[in-house]
N, C-alpha and C. Protein backbone atom coordinates (compact mmCIF):
# COMPACT_ATOMS: atom_id res chain seq x y z
N UNK A 1 42.68 14.27 -20.04
CA UNK A 1 44.12 14.32 -20.12
C UNK A 1 44.67 14.54 -18.71
N UNK A 2 45.57 13.67 -18.29
CA UNK A 2 46.16 13.77 -16.96
C UNK A 2 47.23 14.86 -16.92
N UNK A 3 47.41 15.44 -15.76
CA UNK A 3 48.42 16.48 -15.57
C UNK A 3 49.73 15.85 -15.10
N UNK A 4 50.81 16.54 -15.38
CA UNK A 4 52.14 16.09 -14.98
C UNK A 4 52.86 17.22 -14.27
N UNK A 5 53.51 16.90 -13.17
CA UNK A 5 54.47 17.78 -12.53
C UNK A 5 55.53 16.90 -11.92
N UNK A 6 56.78 17.16 -12.26
CA UNK A 6 57.84 16.35 -11.68
C UNK A 6 59.19 16.68 -12.27
N UNK A 7 60.20 15.99 -11.74
CA UNK A 7 61.57 16.25 -12.20
C UNK A 7 61.88 15.56 -13.53
N UNK A 8 62.65 16.29 -14.33
CA UNK A 8 63.22 15.77 -15.57
C UNK A 8 64.72 15.79 -15.35
N UNK A 9 65.39 14.67 -15.61
CA UNK A 9 66.83 14.57 -15.37
C UNK A 9 67.63 14.85 -16.63
N UNK A 10 68.58 15.78 -16.51
CA UNK A 10 69.50 16.12 -17.60
C UNK A 10 70.88 15.60 -17.24
N UNK A 11 71.56 14.99 -18.21
CA UNK A 11 72.87 14.42 -17.98
C UNK A 11 73.95 15.24 -18.68
N UNK A 12 75.08 15.38 -18.01
CA UNK A 12 76.23 16.09 -18.57
C UNK A 12 77.49 15.38 -18.10
N UNK A 13 78.44 15.21 -18.99
CA UNK A 13 79.71 14.59 -18.63
C UNK A 13 80.68 15.68 -18.19
N UNK A 14 81.18 15.56 -16.96
CA UNK A 14 82.10 16.56 -16.40
C UNK A 14 83.36 15.88 -15.89
N UNK A 15 84.45 16.65 -15.90
CA UNK A 15 85.71 16.15 -15.36
C UNK A 15 85.68 16.39 -13.86
N UNK A 16 85.54 15.32 -13.08
CA UNK A 16 85.42 15.44 -11.63
C UNK A 16 86.77 15.52 -10.95
N UNK A 17 87.79 14.96 -11.56
CA UNK A 17 89.18 15.10 -11.12
C UNK A 17 90.04 14.93 -12.36
N UNK A 18 91.31 15.30 -12.31
CA UNK A 18 92.13 15.25 -13.52
C UNK A 18 92.10 13.86 -14.18
N UNK A 19 91.61 13.82 -15.41
CA UNK A 19 91.55 12.58 -16.18
C UNK A 19 90.37 11.69 -15.89
N UNK A 20 89.50 12.08 -14.94
CA UNK A 20 88.34 11.26 -14.58
C UNK A 20 87.08 12.02 -14.99
N UNK A 21 86.32 11.41 -15.91
CA UNK A 21 85.07 12.01 -16.40
C UNK A 21 83.91 11.22 -15.85
N UNK A 22 82.92 11.93 -15.33
CA UNK A 22 81.77 11.31 -14.69
C UNK A 22 80.49 11.92 -15.26
N UNK A 23 79.47 11.08 -15.38
CA UNK A 23 78.17 11.58 -15.81
C UNK A 23 77.46 12.18 -14.61
N UNK A 24 77.14 13.46 -14.71
CA UNK A 24 76.48 14.20 -13.62
C UNK A 24 75.06 14.52 -14.07
N UNK A 25 74.10 14.20 -13.21
CA UNK A 25 72.68 14.42 -13.53
C UNK A 25 72.14 15.56 -12.69
N UNK A 26 71.40 16.45 -13.35
CA UNK A 26 70.74 17.57 -12.68
C UNK A 26 69.25 17.49 -12.98
N UNK A 27 68.43 17.69 -11.95
CA UNK A 27 66.99 17.63 -12.13
C UNK A 27 66.37 19.02 -12.14
N UNK A 28 65.38 19.20 -13.00
CA UNK A 28 64.57 20.42 -13.06
C UNK A 28 63.11 20.00 -13.09
N UNK A 29 62.27 20.71 -12.36
CA UNK A 29 60.84 20.40 -12.33
C UNK A 29 60.11 21.11 -13.46
N UNK A 30 59.16 20.41 -14.06
CA UNK A 30 58.35 20.95 -15.15
C UNK A 30 56.89 20.58 -14.96
N UNK A 31 56.02 21.43 -15.50
CA UNK A 31 54.60 21.16 -15.58
C UNK A 31 54.28 20.68 -16.99
N UNK A 32 53.23 19.87 -17.10
CA UNK A 32 52.81 19.42 -18.42
C UNK A 32 51.57 18.56 -18.37
N UNK A 33 51.37 17.82 -19.46
CA UNK A 33 50.22 16.94 -19.61
C UNK A 33 50.68 15.57 -20.08
N UNK A 34 50.00 14.53 -19.62
CA UNK A 34 50.22 13.18 -20.14
C UNK A 34 49.26 13.04 -21.32
N UNK A 35 49.80 13.03 -22.55
CA UNK A 35 48.94 13.03 -23.73
C UNK A 35 48.69 11.63 -24.28
N UNK A 36 49.52 10.67 -23.88
CA UNK A 36 49.31 9.28 -24.30
C UNK A 36 49.66 8.42 -23.11
N UNK A 37 48.75 7.54 -22.70
CA UNK A 37 48.95 6.71 -21.53
C UNK A 37 48.80 5.25 -21.94
N UNK A 38 49.94 4.56 -22.13
CA UNK A 38 49.91 3.21 -22.67
C UNK A 38 51.05 2.38 -22.09
N UNK A 39 50.82 1.12 -21.85
CA UNK A 39 51.88 0.23 -21.38
C UNK A 39 51.80 -1.09 -22.11
N UNK A 40 52.92 -1.83 -22.10
CA UNK A 40 52.95 -3.16 -22.69
C UNK A 40 53.97 -3.99 -21.94
N UNK A 41 53.90 -5.28 -22.09
CA UNK A 41 54.84 -6.19 -21.47
C UNK A 41 55.72 -6.77 -22.56
N UNK A 42 57.03 -6.66 -22.37
CA UNK A 42 57.98 -7.18 -23.34
C UNK A 42 58.68 -8.39 -22.74
N UNK A 43 58.66 -9.49 -23.47
CA UNK A 43 59.33 -10.70 -23.01
C UNK A 43 60.83 -10.49 -23.07
N UNK A 44 61.49 -10.72 -21.94
CA UNK A 44 62.93 -10.51 -21.86
C UNK A 44 63.68 -11.82 -21.80
N UNK A 45 64.98 -11.71 -21.64
CA UNK A 45 65.83 -12.89 -21.56
C UNK A 45 65.77 -13.55 -20.18
N UNK A 46 65.34 -12.79 -19.18
CA UNK A 46 65.32 -13.29 -17.82
C UNK A 46 64.05 -14.06 -17.50
N UNK A 47 63.88 -14.29 -16.22
CA UNK A 47 62.75 -15.05 -15.72
C UNK A 47 61.44 -14.26 -15.85
N UNK A 48 61.51 -12.96 -15.58
CA UNK A 48 60.32 -12.12 -15.61
C UNK A 48 60.27 -11.27 -16.87
N UNK A 49 59.06 -10.95 -17.29
CA UNK A 49 58.88 -10.04 -18.42
C UNK A 49 59.14 -8.61 -17.98
N UNK A 50 59.46 -7.75 -18.93
CA UNK A 50 59.73 -6.34 -18.64
C UNK A 50 58.50 -5.50 -18.94
N UNK A 51 58.21 -4.56 -18.04
CA UNK A 51 57.13 -3.61 -18.26
C UNK A 51 57.70 -2.42 -19.01
N UNK A 52 57.05 -2.06 -20.11
CA UNK A 52 57.46 -0.91 -20.91
C UNK A 52 56.30 0.05 -20.96
N UNK A 53 56.56 1.29 -20.57
CA UNK A 53 55.56 2.35 -20.63
C UNK A 53 55.81 3.14 -21.91
N UNK A 54 54.79 3.35 -22.69
CA UNK A 54 54.95 4.12 -23.93
C UNK A 54 54.16 5.41 -23.85
N UNK A 55 54.21 6.04 -22.68
CA UNK A 55 53.49 7.28 -22.48
C UNK A 55 54.21 8.44 -23.15
N UNK A 56 53.45 9.46 -23.44
CA UNK A 56 54.02 10.70 -23.94
C UNK A 56 53.61 11.81 -22.99
N UNK A 57 54.61 12.58 -22.58
CA UNK A 57 54.39 13.69 -21.67
C UNK A 57 54.77 14.96 -22.41
N UNK A 58 53.86 15.89 -22.45
CA UNK A 58 54.10 17.18 -23.09
C UNK A 58 54.38 18.19 -22.00
N UNK A 59 55.64 18.68 -21.91
CA UNK A 59 56.00 19.63 -20.86
C UNK A 59 56.08 21.04 -21.44
N UNK A 60 55.76 22.01 -20.60
CA UNK A 60 55.94 23.41 -20.97
C UNK A 60 57.42 23.72 -20.75
N UNK A 61 58.15 23.94 -21.85
CA UNK A 61 59.60 24.04 -21.80
C UNK A 61 60.07 25.48 -21.63
N UNK A 62 61.21 25.61 -20.98
CA UNK A 62 61.88 26.90 -20.89
C UNK A 62 63.08 26.90 -21.84
N UNK A 63 63.84 27.97 -21.85
CA UNK A 63 64.97 28.08 -22.77
C UNK A 63 66.02 27.01 -22.49
N UNK A 64 66.23 26.68 -21.21
CA UNK A 64 67.19 25.62 -20.86
C UNK A 64 66.77 24.29 -21.49
N UNK A 65 65.49 23.97 -21.42
CA UNK A 65 65.00 22.70 -21.98
C UNK A 65 65.19 22.67 -23.49
N UNK A 66 64.93 23.80 -24.19
CA UNK A 66 65.11 23.84 -25.64
C UNK A 66 66.56 23.65 -26.05
N UNK A 67 67.47 24.25 -25.33
CA UNK A 67 68.88 24.17 -25.73
C UNK A 67 69.55 22.88 -25.26
N UNK A 68 68.94 22.16 -24.32
CA UNK A 68 69.55 20.94 -23.78
C UNK A 68 68.66 19.71 -23.91
N UNK A 69 67.70 19.73 -24.83
CA UNK A 69 66.77 18.60 -24.92
C UNK A 69 67.47 17.29 -25.26
N UNK A 70 68.62 17.35 -25.92
CA UNK A 70 69.35 16.13 -26.27
C UNK A 70 70.00 15.49 -25.03
N UNK A 71 70.05 16.21 -23.91
CA UNK A 71 70.65 15.69 -22.68
C UNK A 71 69.62 15.12 -21.70
N UNK A 72 68.34 15.14 -22.07
CA UNK A 72 67.31 14.61 -21.17
C UNK A 72 67.44 13.10 -21.09
N UNK A 73 67.52 12.57 -19.87
CA UNK A 73 67.70 11.12 -19.67
C UNK A 73 66.48 10.44 -19.07
N UNK A 74 65.78 11.12 -18.15
CA UNK A 74 64.64 10.47 -17.50
C UNK A 74 63.61 11.48 -17.04
N UNK A 75 62.43 10.93 -16.74
CA UNK A 75 61.35 11.70 -16.13
C UNK A 75 60.81 10.87 -14.97
N UNK A 76 60.48 11.54 -13.89
CA UNK A 76 59.89 10.83 -12.75
C UNK A 76 58.38 10.95 -12.88
N UNK A 77 57.74 9.79 -13.04
CA UNK A 77 56.29 9.74 -13.20
C UNK A 77 55.75 8.58 -12.39
N UNK A 78 54.72 8.83 -11.60
CA UNK A 78 54.10 7.81 -10.75
C UNK A 78 55.11 7.21 -9.77
N UNK A 79 56.08 8.03 -9.32
CA UNK A 79 57.05 7.59 -8.33
C UNK A 79 58.21 6.77 -8.88
N UNK A 80 58.30 6.62 -10.19
CA UNK A 80 59.35 5.81 -10.81
C UNK A 80 60.11 6.66 -11.83
N UNK A 81 61.42 6.44 -11.93
CA UNK A 81 62.21 7.11 -12.96
C UNK A 81 62.12 6.30 -14.25
N UNK A 82 61.69 6.96 -15.35
CA UNK A 82 61.53 6.31 -16.65
C UNK A 82 62.47 6.92 -17.67
N UNK A 83 63.09 6.08 -18.49
CA UNK A 83 63.97 6.57 -19.56
C UNK A 83 63.18 7.35 -20.58
N UNK A 84 63.79 8.42 -21.07
CA UNK A 84 63.21 9.16 -22.18
C UNK A 84 63.76 8.54 -23.46
N UNK A 85 62.87 8.02 -24.30
CA UNK A 85 63.31 7.35 -25.53
C UNK A 85 63.33 8.28 -26.73
N UNK A 86 62.54 9.37 -26.69
CA UNK A 86 62.59 10.36 -27.76
C UNK A 86 62.04 11.69 -27.26
N UNK A 87 62.53 12.76 -27.89
CA UNK A 87 62.07 14.11 -27.58
C UNK A 87 61.68 14.78 -28.88
N UNK A 88 60.47 15.32 -28.93
CA UNK A 88 59.98 16.02 -30.11
C UNK A 88 59.76 17.47 -29.72
N UNK A 89 60.46 18.40 -30.40
CA UNK A 89 60.33 19.82 -30.09
C UNK A 89 59.11 20.37 -30.81
N UNK A 90 58.15 20.84 -30.03
CA UNK A 90 56.92 21.45 -30.55
C UNK A 90 56.67 22.72 -29.73
N UNK A 91 57.41 23.78 -30.06
CA UNK A 91 57.33 25.01 -29.28
C UNK A 91 55.89 25.43 -29.03
N UNK A 92 55.53 25.79 -27.85
CA UNK A 92 56.31 26.07 -26.66
C UNK A 92 56.50 24.85 -25.76
N UNK A 93 56.35 23.65 -26.30
CA UNK A 93 56.44 22.44 -25.50
C UNK A 93 57.48 21.47 -26.04
N UNK A 94 57.85 20.51 -25.20
CA UNK A 94 58.64 19.36 -25.62
C UNK A 94 57.77 18.13 -25.38
N UNK A 95 57.70 17.26 -26.37
CA UNK A 95 56.93 16.03 -26.26
C UNK A 95 57.90 14.89 -25.96
N UNK A 96 57.85 14.37 -24.73
CA UNK A 96 58.77 13.33 -24.26
C UNK A 96 58.07 11.98 -24.33
N UNK A 97 58.72 11.00 -24.94
CA UNK A 97 58.21 9.63 -24.95
C UNK A 97 59.03 8.83 -23.96
N UNK A 98 58.36 8.15 -23.04
CA UNK A 98 59.07 7.38 -22.02
C UNK A 98 58.95 5.89 -22.30
N UNK A 99 59.94 5.13 -21.83
CA UNK A 99 59.98 3.70 -22.11
C UNK A 99 60.28 2.87 -20.88
N UNK A 100 61.43 2.23 -20.85
CA UNK A 100 61.83 1.34 -19.74
C UNK A 100 62.13 2.13 -18.47
N UNK A 101 62.29 1.39 -17.39
CA UNK A 101 62.71 1.97 -16.12
C UNK A 101 64.15 2.46 -16.27
N UNK A 102 64.44 3.63 -15.74
CA UNK A 102 65.78 4.23 -15.81
C UNK A 102 66.62 3.68 -14.67
N UNK A 103 67.82 3.19 -15.01
CA UNK A 103 68.72 2.63 -14.00
C UNK A 103 70.07 3.32 -13.99
N UNK A 104 70.17 4.49 -14.59
CA UNK A 104 71.44 5.21 -14.66
C UNK A 104 71.70 6.05 -13.41
N UNK A 105 72.69 6.93 -13.52
CA UNK A 105 73.02 7.78 -12.37
C UNK A 105 71.90 8.78 -12.08
N UNK A 106 71.75 9.09 -10.79
CA UNK A 106 70.77 10.08 -10.35
C UNK A 106 71.51 11.11 -9.52
N UNK A 107 70.96 12.31 -9.38
CA UNK A 107 71.66 13.34 -8.59
C UNK A 107 71.72 12.96 -7.13
N UNK A 108 72.84 13.28 -6.51
CA UNK A 108 73.00 13.06 -5.08
C UNK A 108 72.68 14.38 -4.40
N UNK A 109 71.67 14.37 -3.58
CA UNK A 109 71.23 15.60 -2.92
C UNK A 109 71.96 15.67 -1.57
N UNK A 110 72.74 16.74 -1.37
CA UNK A 110 73.46 16.84 -0.08
C UNK A 110 72.49 17.02 1.08
N UNK A 111 72.84 16.52 2.25
CA UNK A 111 71.96 16.66 3.40
C UNK A 111 71.81 18.12 3.80
N UNK A 112 70.64 18.46 4.31
CA UNK A 112 70.39 19.83 4.76
C UNK A 112 71.01 19.99 6.15
N UNK A 113 71.64 21.10 6.37
CA UNK A 113 72.31 21.34 7.67
C UNK A 113 73.74 20.85 7.57
N UNK A 114 73.92 19.57 7.73
CA UNK A 114 75.23 18.95 7.53
C UNK A 114 76.13 18.99 8.75
N UNK A 115 76.93 17.96 8.82
CA UNK A 115 77.93 17.85 9.90
C UNK A 115 79.29 17.78 9.28
């Protein structure tokens, strides 16, 4: 069983200015295990086929993860952001199933120091 350590992205809709709502993503790092390692190719409408990963990652969850599991959007695995397609609560862990490549908003990390 492979080990996992990496960021999990949580999404929240916030009012960034009066009347303007934006999806804000926050990342938290978690430890866990890759319990299922599987991929397939799905024929798409475009020229190239789509790669779909059907891996399952079991993370050791904290209280924040339990109360906000419905807001999990992606996991970074093997250097790529992958969409979370389902979350199964199995205390003390969350079982995350990943699918397509994630193309949504990501957190903007401010520069260190700054001008």
